[in-house]
Amino acid sequence: MPRLARRHANPVAAARRRPYDPAAMVGLDNYLSGLNRYILRQCLGVMLFVTGALTAAVWFAQSLRLVDLIVNRGLSAEMFLYLAMLIIPRFLDIVLPIGAFIAVLFVFNRLTTESELVVMRAAGLSPFGLAKPVLELAGIAFLILMLLSVYFLPAANREFKDLQFEIRNRFVSSLLQEGAFTTISDKLTIYIGSRNDRGEVVGLLINDSRDPARPVTILAERGAFADTGGASRIIMVNGNREQYERATGKLSVLTFDRYVLDLDMMRDAPESRSREAQERFLGDLLFPPADLDPATREAFFVEFNERLTVPLTAFSFAMLPLACLLPGEFNRRGQLKRVLVAIVCAMGFQALDLAVKNLEGRYLAAIALSYAVDLLPFLVGLGILLHRGIRFNFRRSRLAFAIGR
């Protein structure tokens, strides 16, 4: 009996003397894989929620600038919503990396507070092993940002600019302000007093000087703008048309009950425009037309590299919380210091990234610096996880190490 008791006194040692069991190792691998999927689901859900919330907030703030197109300029609600949707890709490339940062910081802080992280480490997950689902999350964010950079961002900017150009040069009613003289072209000036509840303009004055020898002034009690068949027209009711003959000094007055004026024939709007760098796809930016001036060519090159560097920030923003939260000893009183350090590092990284990108327009050498800055937090955080080193209380860590030894 004493010999049997000594045999089972150290179960860990006894387990080490057992023969290799492939089935047990496969079960452990499945368990660790399940933990990785659990962390990835948690981070992905929080990232999508935070990104959606921040996108909705920024979208609402930015779309308020377009409300004037409906309230004062007569565009339809469908056109407003379409224009508002086209501006989403402009700030999604900034919101998504921040959403990844908040998701990783929230999930791993919660796992530590609820002692789940301690259990995972006891199951055999190292800090680098815990980082694998976060790297997968960063990879998902990177792919989304690359899709935005390659296609959706330039396509949305191009459609938005085209509609804005069309509104300015076709939908004349969208340009008119109440109580102000609006110059549509060098030959046409329109004044409206106000708008009623039905969308009609009240107190209308039009000055037409297409023929300098015979300028025309039209006054109407009220009117309405119509955009049909690709043409802009104004329908006026109860007014008069005055034409002045400069050569003879004769004034002709025509009173009308209903008068239709084609505004497209009275404007000198350009038929096309040159596309900006934000509207170009990556191929157009890398291989621009040969007739471009050097300044525009440099702007295209800067835009091309910025499209590539922005997706890289997803890895850095995802790695920052891990580098601050995972290494070091477990503290039951919480890890507020580490959370604050992660937030400060993220803010500093974002400020430095914006500063470097502002330098790119003046110094092309800053492009290489931009790549280095966007990857630096990721590489430093990866090194911290591999060496398991970031300590905020050196004395306590040293004492704990001495006791453990």
Protein backbone atom coordinates (compact mmCIF):
# COMPACT_ATOMS: atom_id res chain seq x y z
CA MET A 1 0.00 0.00 0.00
CA PRO A 2 2.72 2.61 0.73
CA ARG A 3 4.31 1.79 -2.63
CA LEU A 4 0.92 2.25 -4.36
CA ALA A 5 0.37 5.56 -2.57
CA ARG A 6 3.76 6.80 -3.68
CA ARG A 7 2.94 5.79 -7.24
CA HIS A 8 -0.09 8.09 -7.40
CA ALA A 9 1.20 10.89 -5.18
CA ASN A 10 2.36 12.92 -8.19
CA PRO A 11 -0.26 12.59 -10.94
CA VAL A 12 1.55 15.08 -13.22
CA ALA A 13 4.68 12.97 -13.15
CA ALA A 14 2.60 9.86 -13.70
CA ALA A 15 0.94 11.49 -16.69
CA ARG A 16 4.34 12.29 -18.13
CA ARG A 17 5.31 8.62 -17.95
CA ARG A 18 2.24 7.63 -19.96
CA PRO A 19 2.79 6.70 -23.61
CA TYR A 20 2.01 9.22 -26.35
CA ASP A 21 -1.71 9.37 -27.08
CA PRO A 22 -2.52 10.96 -30.50
CA ALA A 23 -6.24 11.08 -29.72
CA ALA A 24 -5.61 13.22 -26.62
CA MET A 25 -3.44 15.62 -28.60
CA VAL A 26 -6.09 15.94 -31.30
CA GLY A 27 -8.65 16.72 -28.61
CA LEU A 28 -6.39 19.44 -27.21
CA ASP A 29 -5.89 20.96 -30.66
CA ASN A 30 -9.65 21.03 -31.19
CA TYR A 31 -10.09 22.68 -27.81
CA LEU A 32 -7.53 25.38 -28.58
CA SER A 33 -9.06 25.89 -32.01
CA GLY A 34 -12.45 26.35 -30.37
CA LEU A 35 -11.00 29.03 -28.08
CA ASN A 36 -9.58 30.85 -31.09
CA ARG A 37 -12.94 30.77 -32.84
CA TYR A 38 -14.61 32.01 -29.66
CA ILE A 39 -12.27 35.01 -29.41
CA LEU A 40 -12.64 35.74 -33.14
CA ARG A 41 -16.44 35.72 -32.92
CA GLN A 42 -16.37 38.05 -29.93
CA CYS A 43 -13.98 40.50 -31.58
CA LEU A 44 -15.72 40.39 -34.94
CA GLY A 45 -19.13 41.09 -33.42
CA VAL A 46 -17.86 44.06 -31.41
CA MET A 47 -15.92 45.41 -34.39
CA LEU A 48 -18.98 45.32 -36.64
CA PHE A 49 -21.13 46.95 -33.97
CA VAL A 50 -18.63 49.71 -33.19
CA THR A 51 -17.91 50.35 -36.86
CA GLY A 52 -21.62 50.53 -37.64
CA ALA A 53 -22.28 52.91 -34.75
CA LEU A 54 -19.37 55.21 -35.60
CA THR A 55 -20.26 55.12 -39.29
CA ALA A 56 -23.86 56.05 -38.53
CA ALA A 57 -22.76 58.94 -36.32
CA VAL A 58 -20.27 60.33 -38.83
CA TRP A 59 -22.69 59.74 -41.71
CA PHE A 60 -25.44 61.64 -39.93
CA ALA A 61 -23.12 64.58 -39.22
CA GLN A 62 -21.82 64.71 -42.78
CA SER A 63 -25.22 64.23 -44.42
CA LEU A 64 -26.56 67.33 -42.65
CA ARG A 65 -24.54 69.35 -45.16
CA LEU A 66 -26.71 67.88 -47.91
CA VAL A 67 -30.02 68.72 -46.26
CA ASP A 68 -29.80 72.18 -47.82
CA LEU A 69 -30.23 70.53 -51.22
CA ILE A 70 -33.74 69.45 -50.17
CA VAL A 71 -34.83 72.34 -47.97
CA ASN A 72 -33.65 75.26 -50.08
CA ARG A 73 -32.72 73.85 -53.46
CA GLY A 74 -35.59 71.56 -54.36
CA LEU A 75 -33.89 68.18 -54.84
CA SER A 76 -35.88 65.03 -54.13
CA ALA A 77 -35.44 62.94 -50.99
CA GLU A 78 -34.29 59.98 -53.12
CA MET A 79 -31.47 62.06 -54.58
CA PHE A 80 -30.47 63.21 -51.10
CA LEU A 81 -30.30 59.64 -49.75
CA TYR A 82 -28.31 58.49 -52.75
CA LEU A 83 -25.79 61.30 -52.33
CA ALA A 84 -25.57 60.61 -48.60
CA MET A 85 -24.86 56.92 -49.20
CA LEU A 86 -22.05 57.78 -51.61
CA ILE A 87 -20.07 59.59 -48.91
CA ILE A 88 -19.86 56.54 -46.61
CA PRO A 89 -16.66 55.03 -48.13
CA ARG A 90 -14.86 58.34 -47.54
CA PHE A 91 -14.68 57.87 -43.78
CA LEU A 92 -15.16 54.09 -43.50
CA ASP A 93 -11.43 53.56 -44.07
CA ILE A 94 -10.81 55.61 -40.91
CA VAL A 95 -13.65 54.20 -38.80
CA LEU A 96 -12.98 50.50 -39.47
CA PRO A 97 -9.41 50.35 -37.98
CA ILE A 98 -10.67 52.25 -34.94
CA GLY A 99 -13.51 49.74 -34.65
CA ALA A 100 -10.96 46.89 -34.70
CA PHE A 101 -8.95 48.60 -31.95
CA ILE A 102 -11.99 49.12 -29.71
CA ALA A 103 -13.15 45.54 -30.30
CA VAL A 104 -9.83 43.96 -29.29
CA LEU A 105 -9.43 46.27 -26.31
CA PHE A 106 -12.97 45.60 -25.06
CA VAL A 107 -12.95 41.83 -25.59
CA PHE A 108 -9.56 41.14 -24.02
CA ASN A 109 -10.20 43.45 -21.10
CA ARG A 110 -13.47 41.60 -20.46
CA LEU A 111 -11.76 38.23 -20.78
CA THR A 112 -9.20 39.32 -18.19
CA THR A 113 -11.81 40.78 -15.81
CA GLU A 114 -13.92 37.61 -15.93
CA SER A 115 -10.82 35.39 -15.52
CA GLU A 116 -11.44 33.70 -18.86
CA LEU A 117 -8.01 34.69 -20.06
CA VAL A 118 -6.41 32.93 -17.08
CA VAL A 119 -8.23 29.71 -17.99
CA MET A 120 -7.13 30.02 -21.61
CA ARG A 121 -3.53 30.47 -20.59
CA ALA A 122 -3.80 27.49 -18.28
CA ALA A 123 -5.13 25.48 -21.24
CA GLY A 124 -1.89 26.13 -23.06
CA LEU A 125 -2.50 29.32 -25.08
CA SER A 126 0.54 31.59 -25.12
CA PRO A 127 0.28 35.36 -25.72
CA PHE A 128 1.18 34.77 -29.34
CA GLY A 129 -1.41 32.00 -29.56
CA LEU A 130 -4.05 34.37 -28.19
CA ALA A 131 -3.03 36.86 -30.86
CA LYS A 132 -3.91 34.50 -33.72
CA PRO A 133 -7.67 35.29 -33.76
CA VAL A 134 -6.84 38.99 -33.55
CA LEU A 135 -4.55 38.68 -36.55
CA GLU A 136 -7.41 36.97 -38.39
CA LEU A 137 -9.66 39.86 -37.41
CA ALA A 138 -7.08 42.33 -38.70
CA GLY A 139 -6.87 40.32 -41.91
CA ILE A 140 -10.63 40.62 -42.40
CA ALA A 141 -10.46 44.38 -41.81
CA PHE A 142 -7.50 44.61 -44.19
CA LEU A 143 -9.42 42.86 -46.98
CA ILE A 144 -12.42 45.16 -46.51
CA LEU A 145 -10.20 48.23 -46.61
CA MET A 146 -8.42 46.97 -49.72
CA LEU A 147 -11.77 46.48 -51.46
CA LEU A 148 -12.62 50.05 -50.55
CA SER A 149 -9.29 51.36 -51.83
CA VAL A 150 -9.31 49.36 -55.04
CA TYR A 151 -12.90 49.87 -56.16
CA PHE A 152 -15.61 51.20 -53.84
CA LEU A 153 -13.89 54.42 -52.72
CA PRO A 154 -12.99 55.74 -56.20
CA ALA A 155 -16.30 54.52 -57.64
CA ALA A 156 -18.30 56.31 -54.92
CA ASN A 157 -16.25 59.50 -55.24
CA ARG A 158 -16.65 59.44 -59.01
CA GLU A 159 -20.43 59.00 -58.83
CA PHE A 160 -20.75 61.70 -56.17
CA LYS A 161 -18.71 64.22 -58.18
CA ASP A 162 -20.64 63.41 -61.34
CA LEU A 163 -23.96 63.98 -59.62
CA GLN A 164 -22.67 67.17 -58.02
CA PHE A 165 -21.53 68.39 -61.43
CA GLU A 166 -24.89 67.52 -62.94
CA ILE A 167 -26.78 69.28 -60.16
CA ARG A 168 -24.75 72.44 -60.59
CA ASN A 169 -25.05 72.51 -64.35
CA ARG A 170 -28.44 70.96 -65.00
CA PHE A 171 -30.72 71.32 -62.01
CA VAL A 172 -30.85 75.09 -61.94
CA SER A 173 -33.44 75.10 -59.17
CA SER A 174 -30.86 73.57 -56.80
CA LEU A 175 -28.64 76.64 -57.18
CA LEU A 176 -31.21 79.29 -56.33
CA GLN A 177 -31.31 80.90 -52.91
CA GLU A 178 -34.29 82.79 -51.57
CA GLY A 179 -33.88 86.54 -51.53
CA ALA A 180 -30.64 86.52 -53.54
CA PHE A 181 -29.60 87.12 -57.14
CA THR A 182 -28.11 83.94 -58.60
CA THR A 183 -25.92 84.14 -61.70
CA ILE A 184 -26.40 80.96 -63.73
CA SER A 185 -24.10 82.14 -66.51
CA ASP A 186 -22.72 85.41 -67.84
CA LYS A 187 -26.01 85.93 -69.67
CA LEU A 188 -28.58 84.82 -67.10
CA THR A 189 -29.44 86.06 -63.61
CA ILE A 190 -32.40 84.77 -61.58
CA TYR A 191 -33.97 86.12 -58.42
CA ILE A 192 -36.67 84.41 -56.35
CA GLY A 193 -38.42 85.94 -53.38
CA SER A 194 -39.49 82.78 -51.54
CA ARG A 195 -40.87 79.25 -51.89
CA ASN A 196 -44.33 78.11 -50.83
CA ASP A 197 -45.41 74.78 -49.35
CA ARG A 198 -45.99 73.26 -52.81
CA GLY A 199 -42.42 73.91 -53.93
CA GLU A 200 -43.32 76.83 -56.16
CA VAL A 201 -41.25 80.01 -56.23
CA VAL A 202 -42.97 83.28 -55.47
CA GLY A 203 -41.75 86.64 -56.77
CA LEU A 204 -39.64 85.67 -59.78
CA LEU A 205 -37.28 87.90 -61.79
CA ILE A 206 -35.11 86.77 -64.73
CA ASN A 207 -32.61 88.92 -66.57
CA ASP A 208 -31.60 87.52 -69.97
CA SER A 209 -28.76 89.29 -71.82
CA ARG A 210 -27.92 86.71 -74.49
CA ASP A 211 -28.46 89.45 -77.04
CA PRO A 212 -26.65 92.53 -75.70
CA ALA A 213 -28.56 94.77 -78.11
CA ARG A 214 -31.92 93.45 -76.83
CA PRO A 215 -31.79 92.53 -73.14
CA VAL A 216 -34.90 90.86 -71.73
CA THR A 217 -36.34 91.08 -68.23
CA ILE A 218 -39.10 88.69 -67.11
CA LEU A 219 -41.24 89.26 -64.04
CA ALA A 220 -43.69 86.65 -62.77
CA GLU A 221 -45.98 86.27 -59.81
CA ARG A 222 -44.96 82.66 -59.28
CA GLY A 223 -43.29 79.79 -61.11
CA ALA A 224 -42.06 76.20 -60.91
CA PHE A 225 -38.93 74.44 -62.15
CA ALA A 226 -39.16 71.23 -64.17
CA ASP A 227 -36.35 68.87 -65.23
CA THR A 228 -37.67 66.68 -68.03
CA GLY A 229 -35.97 64.98 -70.92
CA GLY A 230 -32.53 66.08 -69.74
CA ALA A 231 -33.49 69.75 -69.93
CA SER A 232 -34.26 72.36 -67.26
CA ARG A 233 -37.31 74.53 -67.77
CA ILE A 234 -39.13 77.11 -65.71
CA ILE A 235 -42.88 77.54 -65.99
CA MET A 236 -44.06 81.05 -65.01
CA VAL A 237 -47.58 82.24 -64.30
CA ASN A 238 -49.05 85.78 -64.31
CA GLY A 239 -46.23 88.02 -65.40
CA ASN A 240 -44.77 90.13 -68.17
CA ARG A 241 -41.78 90.02 -70.49
CA GLU A 242 -39.96 93.28 -71.17
CA GLN A 243 -37.51 93.66 -74.06
CA TYR A 244 -35.45 96.79 -74.51
CA GLU A 245 -34.09 97.89 -77.90
CA ARG A 246 -30.82 99.70 -77.20
CA ALA A 247 -30.54 101.08 -80.71
CA THR A 248 -33.96 102.74 -80.76
CA GLY A 249 -34.61 103.04 -77.04
CA LYS A 250 -37.93 101.22 -77.47
CA LEU A 251 -39.37 99.06 -74.67
CA SER A 252 -41.69 96.18 -75.60
CA VAL A 253 -43.90 94.67 -72.90
CA LEU A 254 -45.65 91.31 -73.24
CA THR A 255 -48.13 90.24 -70.58
CA PHE A 256 -48.68 86.49 -70.16
CA ASP A 257 -50.72 84.08 -68.12
CA ARG A 258 -48.29 81.18 -68.68
CA TYR A 259 -44.76 81.31 -70.05
CA VAL A 260 -42.17 78.50 -70.42
CA LEU A 261 -38.46 79.26 -70.58
CA ASP A 262 -35.76 76.71 -71.49
CA LEU A 263 -32.85 77.37 -69.17
CA ASP A 264 -30.39 74.98 -70.82
CA MET A 265 -30.27 77.17 -73.90
CA MET A 266 -29.27 80.11 -71.74
CA ARG A 267 -26.25 78.63 -69.94
CA ASP A 268 -22.62 78.13 -70.85
CA ALA A 269 -22.06 74.99 -68.75
CA PRO A 270 -19.13 72.73 -69.59
CA GLU A 271 -19.99 69.31 -70.93
CA SER A 272 -17.18 67.42 -69.16
CA ARG A 273 -14.69 67.79 -66.36
CA SER A 274 -11.34 66.34 -65.38
CA ARG A 275 -11.41 63.66 -62.70
CA GLU A 276 -9.54 64.23 -59.46
CA ALA A 277 -7.13 61.78 -57.84
CA GLN A 278 -9.78 60.56 -55.37
CA GLU A 279 -11.93 59.46 -58.32
CA ARG A 280 -9.25 57.42 -60.05
CA PHE A 281 -8.77 53.68 -59.74
CA LEU A 282 -5.37 52.28 -58.76
CA GLY A 283 -4.37 51.55 -62.36
CA ASP A 284 -5.12 55.13 -63.40
CA LEU A 285 -3.12 56.46 -60.45
CA LEU A 286 -0.09 54.30 -61.13
CA PHE A 287 -0.14 54.85 -64.90
CA PRO A 288 -1.62 58.35 -65.42
CA PRO A 289 -2.05 59.96 -68.84
CA ALA A 290 1.13 61.23 -70.42
CA ASP A 291 -0.17 64.78 -70.85
CA LEU A 292 -0.56 65.43 -67.11
CA ASP A 293 1.49 68.18 -65.51
CA PRO A 294 4.13 67.17 -62.93
CA ALA A 295 2.13 68.47 -59.94
CA THR A 296 -0.92 66.39 -60.85
CA ARG A 297 1.25 63.36 -61.52
CA GLU A 298 2.78 63.66 -58.04
CA ALA A 299 -0.69 64.02 -56.52
CA PHE A 300 -1.72 60.78 -58.26
CA PHE A 301 1.36 58.97 -56.92
CA VAL A 302 0.67 60.18 -53.38
CA GLU A 303 -2.97 59.05 -53.63
CA PHE A 304 -1.87 55.62 -54.93
CA ASN A 305 0.41 55.02 -51.94
CA GLU A 306 -2.15 56.34 -49.48
CA ARG A 307 -4.67 53.81 -50.80
CA LEU A 308 -2.16 51.07 -49.95
CA THR A 309 -1.03 52.34 -46.55
CA VAL A 310 -4.48 52.92 -45.05
CA PRO A 311 -5.40 49.18 -45.00
CA LEU A 312 -2.13 48.41 -43.18
CA THR A 313 -3.31 50.41 -40.17
CA ALA A 314 -5.80 47.63 -39.39
CA PHE A 315 -2.94 45.38 -38.22
CA SER A 316 -1.38 48.12 -36.09
CA PHE A 317 -4.64 49.16 -34.44
CA ALA A 318 -5.47 45.52 -33.67
CA MET A 319 -2.03 44.78 -32.25
CA LEU A 320 -1.82 47.78 -29.90
CA PRO A 321 -4.33 46.46 -27.30
CA LEU A 322 -2.68 43.02 -27.29
CA ALA A 323 0.78 44.47 -26.70
CA CYS A 324 -0.56 46.38 -23.68
CA LEU A 325 -2.93 43.83 -22.15
CA LEU A 326 -1.50 40.34 -22.67
CA PRO A 327 2.11 40.43 -21.40
CA GLY A 328 2.78 40.64 -17.69
CA GLU A 329 1.19 39.19 -14.60
CA PHE A 330 -2.54 38.91 -13.92
CA ASN A 331 -3.99 41.59 -11.64
CA ARG A 332 -7.35 40.93 -10.00
CA ARG A 333 -7.87 44.64 -9.30
CA GLY A 334 -8.13 45.31 -13.01
CA GLN A 335 -5.80 46.69 -15.62
CA LEU A 336 -6.90 50.28 -16.00
CA LYS A 337 -3.32 51.43 -16.48
CA ARG A 338 -2.83 49.10 -19.41
CA VAL A 339 -6.12 50.15 -21.00
CA LEU A 340 -5.19 53.83 -20.70
CA VAL A 341 -1.74 53.15 -22.15
CA ALA A 342 -3.35 51.39 -25.12
CA ILE A 343 -5.71 54.32 -25.73
CA VAL A 344 -2.89 56.87 -25.51
CA CYS A 345 -0.74 54.82 -27.88
CA ALA A 346 -3.61 54.57 -30.38
CA MET A 347 -4.21 58.31 -30.25
CA GLY A 348 -0.51 59.01 -30.70
CA PHE A 349 -0.30 56.58 -33.60
CA GLN A 350 -3.30 58.19 -35.33
CA ALA A 351 -1.87 61.69 -34.85
CA LEU A 352 1.55 60.63 -36.17
CA ASP A 353 -0.04 58.90 -39.16
CA LEU A 354 -2.04 62.00 -40.07
CA ALA A 355 1.03 64.21 -39.71
CA VAL A 356 3.10 62.00 -42.02
CA LYS A 357 0.32 61.85 -44.61
CA ASN A 358 0.15 65.65 -44.60
CA LEU A 359 3.85 65.73 -45.40
CA GLU A 360 3.42 63.46 -48.41
CA GLY A 361 1.92 66.26 -50.48
CA ARG A 362 5.05 68.37 -50.02
CA TYR A 363 7.80 65.76 -49.79
CA LEU A 364 7.64 62.51 -51.75
CA ALA A 365 10.24 61.01 -49.40
CA ALA A 366 7.55 60.99 -46.69
CA ILE A 367 5.79 58.18 -48.57
CA ALA A 368 8.37 55.65 -47.38
CA LEU A 369 8.04 57.08 -43.88
CA SER A 370 4.29 56.54 -44.07
CA TYR A 371 4.75 52.81 -44.69
CA ALA A 372 7.15 52.60 -41.74
CA VAL A 373 4.81 54.49 -39.40
CA ASP A 374 1.76 52.40 -40.34
CA LEU A 375 3.62 49.12 -39.70
CA LEU A 376 5.68 50.18 -36.67
CA PRO A 377 3.03 49.51 -33.94
CA PHE A 378 2.33 46.10 -35.44
CA LEU A 379 5.98 45.07 -35.50
CA VAL A 380 6.69 46.43 -32.01
CA GLY A 381 3.58 44.78 -30.59
CA LEU A 382 4.50 41.48 -32.22
CA GLY A 383 7.95 41.67 -30.67
CA ILE A 384 6.45 42.38 -27.23
CA LEU A 385 4.17 39.35 -27.48
CA LEU A 386 6.99 37.07 -28.56
CA HIS A 387 9.21 38.20 -25.67
CA ARG A 388 6.31 38.58 -23.21
CA GLY A 389 7.57 41.87 -21.92
CA ILE A 390 5.72 45.02 -20.91
CA ARG A 391 5.68 45.80 -17.21
CA PHE A 392 4.35 48.89 -15.51
CA ASN A 393 5.48 47.99 -11.95
CA PHE A 394 9.11 46.93 -12.07
CA ARG A 395 9.54 46.25 -8.33
CA ARG A 396 6.45 44.07 -8.03
CA SER A 397 7.38 42.14 -11.17
CA ARG A 398 10.89 41.61 -9.87
CA LEU A 399 9.59 40.40 -6.51
CA ALA A 400 7.09 38.06 -8.15
CA PHE A 401 9.85 36.65 -10.31
CA ALA A 402 12.07 36.06 -7.28
CA ILE A 403 9.30 34.30 -5.34
CA GLY A 404 8.39 32.17 -8.33
CA ARG A 405 12.00 31.12 -8.72
